[in-house]
Structure formats: structure tokens, C-alpha cells
Amino acid sequence: MSQRSVIFEVMGTIASIRCAEHVDLDTAHRAMSAAHLSLHNDDSRFSHYRIDSDISRWSAGLTVSPDAVAEIDQVLRVCADLRADSNGAFTVINPSSGRLDTAGYVKGYAIAKASRAMRSAGVQDFLINVGGDAQASGSPHDDRGWRLAIANPVSGFGVVEVVELRDQAIATSGTAQRGAHVWGPAAQSLLSFTVVGSDIAFADAYATTGFAMGRAGGPWVSGHAGYSWLAIAADGTVSRDRALVCVE
């Protein structure tokens, strides 16, 4: 890490951390190392693709640490609240396998923890992006915030919109990054569903839920103060929340 950014693999995807140019280099490296470690630790705890992860061992009835049990229980309580809030559209049970899968929440949850690690290490202006879901903190420059593109899933190239974020998060659910991983027949009506809001954990969960709900997802997300959305339908039609502010 010779510069103020780093790219690495975690959670089955590519992650990047970038600090603003005005951040002291040693402080940036220390903060990025802390966030990097936080993300890898959460991968070890919550990955459903690793048989040695805490949640895989816990699901199999094997012994895990008390700290792991407490955190898994905390995550499952939030997921239960999300399921109730969405009338079952958000679920942690894969209907195909019947197995536990918290991926619709824990990636955002892990990014939020990594963001706290950055701030604890003394960096306030940074961007953490894990597989297209990102937490923006502060700004890279005094005159503007962090700019992120919402990709066009129809062509595989190009940008639908660009948003500028300060102390906000963005998350997208769809088929571009991980294929058909969101359950529910309504999800087939959309190609992608993006949510912008203050908390990356909930932005991630709301994006997953909105995508699963299909065309009903937008109004549902709009019912949550501080969160806005953009949806791309299977025919390429783009719809969005009036509250979503894009860069012109």
C-alpha cells in the first residue's frame, strides 16, 4: 500500500478502499489496514461459502466462540426485523436449499464495521467499496463529494446515472455481480435495484429486498426515511425515487 488506496479480494468479490489525498499517508495506511482486517474477519465469521466460517460451523451445530454466537444472534435479530418489515420479501433462508444465508445483510454490515475501523484510526474522508456496494465518508475534495456510477446492466457497459455522496452509502442488487442470487418471482421483473441512504447495512438489505419485490420495491423503500432508489426493469426501463439526486 504505497498510495492512499488499496484493492483486494474478500467475500468472493473485489474490494477497494480509498482515502482522500489530504489524509496523511501513514494514517491512511494504518486505517486501510484496520479496515482490510475488519472485512477479512467478517468474511471468516459470516461467509456461507466457507465451511470453516463461524456461521457455517454454527449452522452445523459445531462449537464457535461466545463472541461469534453473540454477533450471529445480533445479525439474525436484525434480519428477522427486516423480514417482518418487508412481509417476508427479505429472508435468510434459501428456498432452494433450505439453508441459512445472511448475504443480503452481512456485506453491508461488514462494510459498516470497516468504516468504523477507518474512523477509529483517524481517517474521516474515505470510500470503501465491496463488490459495488459502498460507504462514502466525508469527501475527497472540499468542493464535492465521492462520485459513484450506477452501471447499465442491459449492455454490460456504460452508466445509467452518477450520484455524489457525502456520509452516505449506495448498494445495488441484481444479476450483474453475482447472477440470480435473490429469491422470489417478483425479482425476475428487474435487472437491478439500487438504494442510496445513510447506513450501508440497511442500504444493502433494502436493495436486496427491493429487488426481490420487483416493481413494488420502489414504493417500499420510499417508506423508509432517508433512503432513495433507482430500478432498472427487465426491458431496460429506468425508474427512480424523486428524492434520488444525481450528478448532471
Protein backbone atom coordinates (compact mmCIF):
# COMPACT_ATOMS: atom_id res chain seq x y z
CA MET A 1 0.00 0.00 0.00
CA SER A 2 2.28 2.78 -1.27
CA GLN A 3 -0.59 5.13 -2.02
CA ARG A 4 -3.84 6.15 -0.35
CA SER A 5 -5.82 3.29 -1.86
CA VAL A 6 -5.81 -0.48 -1.83
CA ILE A 7 -7.61 -3.22 -3.79
CA PHE A 8 -8.02 -6.80 -2.58
CA GLU A 9 -10.28 -9.86 -2.73
CA VAL A 10 -12.75 -10.53 0.05
CA MET A 11 -16.23 -12.04 0.40
CA GLY A 12 -15.95 -13.59 -3.03
CA THR A 13 -15.57 -10.24 -4.78
CA ILE A 14 -13.22 -7.28 -5.20
CA ALA A 15 -12.97 -4.61 -2.53
CA SER A 16 -11.30 -1.22 -2.66
CA ILE A 17 -10.53 1.38 -0.02
CA ARG A 18 -9.58 4.93 -0.94
CA CYS A 19 -8.58 7.80 1.30
CA ALA A 20 -8.78 11.46 0.32
CA GLU A 21 -5.50 12.94 -0.91
CA HIS A 22 -5.20 15.29 2.06
CA VAL A 23 -5.02 12.36 4.53
CA ASP A 24 -1.55 11.80 5.98
CA LEU A 25 -0.02 8.77 4.24
CA ASP A 26 0.94 6.89 7.42
CA THR A 27 -2.51 7.47 8.89
CA ALA A 28 -4.12 6.33 5.64
CA HIS A 29 -2.11 3.10 5.62
CA ARG A 30 -2.92 2.40 9.26
CA ALA A 31 -6.63 3.00 8.69
CA MET A 32 -6.80 0.95 5.50
CA SER A 33 -5.01 -1.93 7.21
CA ALA A 34 -7.57 -1.84 10.03
CA ALA A 35 -10.49 -1.82 7.57
CA HIS A 36 -8.90 -4.58 5.48
CA LEU A 37 -8.54 -6.75 8.58
CA SER A 38 -12.12 -6.00 9.65
CA LEU A 39 -13.51 -7.14 6.30
CA HIS A 40 -11.47 -10.34 6.31
CA ASN A 41 -12.53 -11.09 9.87
CA ASP A 42 -16.18 -10.71 8.91
CA ASP A 43 -15.62 -12.95 5.89
CA SER A 44 -14.27 -15.56 8.29
CA ARG A 45 -17.29 -15.08 10.51
CA PHE A 46 -20.19 -14.80 8.04
CA SER A 47 -19.21 -16.47 4.77
CA HIS A 48 -21.69 -19.16 3.72
CA TYR A 49 -19.23 -20.38 1.07
CA ARG A 50 -16.57 -21.33 3.62
CA ILE A 51 -17.17 -24.44 5.67
CA ASP A 52 -14.74 -23.13 8.29
CA SER A 53 -16.56 -19.80 8.84
CA ASP A 54 -18.16 -19.20 12.21
CA ILE A 55 -21.68 -19.09 10.79
CA SER A 56 -21.16 -22.30 8.78
CA ARG A 57 -19.85 -24.08 11.86
CA TRP A 58 -22.66 -22.63 14.00
CA SER A 59 -25.28 -23.74 11.45
CA ALA A 60 -23.81 -27.23 11.52
CA GLY A 61 -24.09 -27.35 15.30
CA LEU A 62 -20.35 -27.14 15.87
CA THR A 63 -18.68 -25.14 18.61
CA VAL A 64 -17.82 -21.50 17.96
CA SER A 65 -16.64 -18.75 20.27
CA PRO A 66 -19.09 -16.88 22.55
CA ASP A 67 -18.29 -13.67 20.65
CA ALA A 68 -19.25 -15.34 17.38
CA VAL A 69 -22.51 -16.65 18.83
CA ALA A 70 -23.40 -13.20 20.16
CA GLU A 71 -22.69 -11.47 16.83
CA ILE A 72 -24.51 -14.09 14.76
CA ASP A 73 -27.50 -13.72 17.08
CA GLN A 74 -27.37 -9.93 16.68
CA VAL A 75 -27.35 -10.21 12.87
CA LEU A 76 -30.20 -12.72 12.85
CA ARG A 77 -32.32 -10.43 15.03
CA VAL A 78 -31.89 -7.58 12.55
CA CYS A 79 -32.67 -9.95 9.67
CA ALA A 80 -35.84 -11.06 11.45
CA ASP A 81 -36.88 -7.41 11.76
CA LEU A 82 -36.21 -6.90 8.05
CA ARG A 83 -38.32 -9.94 7.19
CA ALA A 84 -41.22 -8.60 9.27
CA ASP A 85 -40.85 -5.11 7.80
CA SER A 86 -40.96 -6.49 4.25
CA ASN A 87 -43.74 -9.03 4.83
CA GLY A 88 -41.33 -11.84 4.11
CA ALA A 89 -39.68 -10.44 0.96
CA PHE A 90 -36.38 -10.33 2.84
CA THR A 91 -35.41 -13.77 4.06
CA VAL A 92 -32.29 -15.53 5.29
CA ILE A 93 -33.48 -18.99 4.24
CA ASN A 94 -32.53 -20.06 0.73
CA PRO A 95 -35.75 -21.66 -0.62
CA SER A 96 -33.79 -23.93 -2.94
CA SER A 97 -31.57 -25.45 -0.27
CA GLY A 98 -33.44 -24.60 2.93
CA ARG A 99 -30.14 -23.37 4.34
CA LEU A 100 -29.34 -20.18 6.22
CA ASP A 101 -27.94 -17.37 4.03
CA THR A 102 -27.49 -13.89 5.51
CA ALA A 103 -25.68 -12.44 2.47
CA GLY A 104 -28.45 -9.91 1.84
CA TYR A 105 -27.44 -8.06 5.01
CA VAL A 106 -23.97 -9.03 6.18
CA LYS A 107 -21.93 -7.49 3.34
CA GLY A 108 -23.30 -4.05 4.16
CA TYR A 109 -22.93 -4.83 7.85
CA ALA A 110 -19.25 -5.71 7.29
CA ILE A 111 -18.65 -2.51 5.29
CA ALA A 112 -20.18 -0.50 8.13
CA LYS A 113 -17.78 -2.13 10.61
CA ALA A 114 -14.82 -1.47 8.32
CA SER A 115 -15.91 2.17 8.09
CA ARG A 116 -15.91 2.45 11.86
CA ALA A 117 -12.39 0.97 11.86
CA MET A 118 -11.27 3.69 9.45
CA ARG A 119 -12.67 6.45 11.63
CA SER A 120 -11.20 4.93 14.79
CA ALA A 121 -7.81 5.00 13.07
CA GLY A 122 -8.17 8.72 12.42
CA VAL A 123 -9.49 8.93 8.84
CA GLN A 124 -12.81 10.66 8.18
CA ASP A 125 -12.63 11.13 4.39
CA PHE A 126 -12.68 7.77 2.61
CA LEU A 127 -14.61 5.42 0.34
CA ILE A 128 -15.00 1.68 0.94
CA ASN A 129 -16.41 -0.31 -1.98
CA VAL A 130 -17.05 -4.06 -1.79
CA GLY A 131 -18.46 -5.57 -4.95
CA GLY A 132 -20.26 -2.39 -5.94
CA ASP A 133 -21.72 -1.62 -2.51
CA ALA A 134 -20.02 1.38 -0.96
CA GLN A 135 -19.85 3.63 2.08
CA ALA A 136 -18.71 7.19 1.41
CA SER A 137 -17.42 9.18 4.36
CA GLY A 138 -16.62 12.88 4.16
CA SER A 139 -15.35 13.95 0.77
CA PRO A 140 -12.27 13.62 -1.47
CA HIS A 141 -12.22 17.37 -2.13
CA ASP A 142 -13.66 20.44 -0.46
CA ASP A 143 -15.83 21.26 -3.47
CA ARG A 144 -17.57 17.91 -3.98
CA GLY A 145 -18.36 14.51 -2.52
CA TRP A 146 -17.48 11.00 -3.68
CA ARG A 147 -18.92 10.19 -7.11
CA LEU A 148 -20.14 6.70 -7.92
CA ALA A 149 -21.71 5.34 -11.09
CA ILE A 150 -24.83 3.20 -11.34
CA ALA A 151 -23.95 0.73 -14.09
CA ASN A 152 -26.17 -0.20 -17.01
CA PRO A 153 -26.90 -3.95 -16.67
CA VAL A 154 -28.60 -4.12 -20.09
CA SER A 155 -25.44 -3.68 -22.16
CA GLY A 156 -22.91 -4.63 -19.51
CA PHE A 157 -21.17 -1.34 -20.23
CA GLY A 158 -21.95 2.29 -19.64
CA VAL A 159 -23.54 4.25 -16.85
CA VAL A 160 -27.19 4.97 -16.11
CA GLU A 161 -26.57 7.71 -13.53
CA VAL A 162 -23.84 9.13 -11.32
CA VAL A 163 -24.51 10.01 -7.69
CA GLU A 164 -22.42 12.21 -5.42
CA LEU A 165 -22.26 11.07 -1.82
CA ARG A 166 -21.08 12.61 1.44
CA ASP A 167 -21.53 10.43 4.52
CA GLN A 168 -23.90 8.20 2.57
CA ALA A 169 -23.96 4.69 1.18
CA ILE A 170 -25.01 3.03 -2.06
CA ALA A 171 -25.90 -0.61 -2.69
CA THR A 172 -27.14 -2.43 -5.77
CA SER A 173 -28.83 -5.80 -6.01
CA GLY A 174 -29.13 -7.54 -9.35
CA THR A 175 -27.69 -10.17 -11.64
CA ALA A 176 -24.58 -8.33 -12.86
CA GLN A 177 -22.28 -9.11 -9.92
CA ARG A 178 -23.46 -12.50 -8.64
CA GLY A 179 -26.01 -13.84 -11.10
CA ALA A 180 -29.50 -14.82 -9.97
CA HIS A 181 -28.90 -14.83 -6.22
CA VAL A 182 -32.04 -13.03 -4.97
CA TRP A 183 -35.06 -15.22 -4.38
CA GLY A 184 -38.66 -14.53 -5.27
CA PRO A 185 -40.57 -14.49 -8.57
CA ALA A 186 -41.01 -10.70 -8.47
CA ALA A 187 -37.24 -10.27 -8.79
CA GLN A 188 -37.45 -11.53 -12.38
CA SER A 189 -39.13 -8.25 -13.39
CA LEU A 190 -35.94 -6.27 -12.64
CA LEU A 191 -32.32 -6.31 -13.77
CA SER A 192 -31.05 -4.22 -10.88
CA PHE A 193 -32.22 -2.22 -7.90
CA THR A 194 -30.06 0.47 -6.28
CA VAL A 195 -30.57 2.14 -2.91
CA VAL A 196 -28.85 5.27 -1.56
CA GLY A 197 -29.05 6.10 2.13
CA SER A 198 -27.17 6.87 5.31
CA ASP A 199 -26.42 3.32 6.53
CA ILE A 200 -24.71 0.82 4.22
CA ALA A 201 -26.04 -2.19 6.14
CA PHE A 202 -29.64 -1.12 5.58
CA ALA A 203 -28.97 0.21 2.07
CA ASP A 204 -27.68 -3.27 1.21
CA ALA A 205 -30.65 -5.00 2.82
CA TYR A 206 -33.15 -2.60 1.22
CA ALA A 207 -31.55 -3.13 -2.21
CA THR A 208 -31.89 -6.89 -1.78
CA THR A 209 -35.48 -6.53 -0.61
CA GLY A 210 -36.43 -4.03 -3.29
CA PHE A 211 -35.05 -6.30 -5.99
CA ALA A 212 -36.93 -9.29 -4.56
CA MET A 213 -40.16 -7.26 -4.52
CA GLY A 214 -39.84 -6.28 -8.16
CA ARG A 215 -41.86 -3.22 -9.15
CA ALA A 216 -43.28 -2.95 -5.63
CA GLY A 217 -39.79 -2.44 -4.25
CA GLY A 218 -39.54 1.27 -5.00
CA PRO A 219 -42.60 2.34 -3.02
CA TRP A 220 -41.48 0.09 -0.17
CA VAL A 221 -38.02 1.69 0.03
CA SER A 222 -39.58 5.17 -0.22
CA GLY A 223 -41.39 4.40 3.01
CA HIS A 224 -38.05 4.44 4.85
CA ALA A 225 -36.91 7.97 5.66
CA GLY A 226 -33.55 8.94 4.21
CA TYR A 227 -33.40 6.19 1.57
CA SER A 228 -33.94 6.62 -2.17
CA TRP A 229 -33.82 4.18 -5.08
CA LEU A 230 -33.33 3.53 -8.78
CA ALA A 231 -34.64 0.43 -10.54
CA ILE A 232 -33.87 -0.96 -14.00
CA ALA A 233 -36.60 -3.24 -15.34
CA ALA A 234 -36.05 -6.35 -17.45
CA ASP A 235 -36.93 -4.33 -20.58
CA GLY A 236 -34.32 -1.69 -19.72
CA THR A 237 -36.78 0.90 -18.43
CA VAL A 238 -35.35 3.08 -15.63
CA SER A 239 -37.50 4.33 -12.77
CA ARG A 240 -36.39 6.22 -9.68
CA ASP A 241 -37.33 7.91 -6.48
CA ARG A 242 -37.84 11.67 -6.83
CA ALA A 243 -35.56 12.05 -3.81
CA LEU A 244 -32.59 10.49 -5.64
CA VAL A 245 -30.15 13.27 -6.53
CA CYS A 246 -27.85 12.57 -9.49
CA VAL A 247 -24.91 14.47 -10.91
CA GLU A 248 -25.87 16.36 -14.04
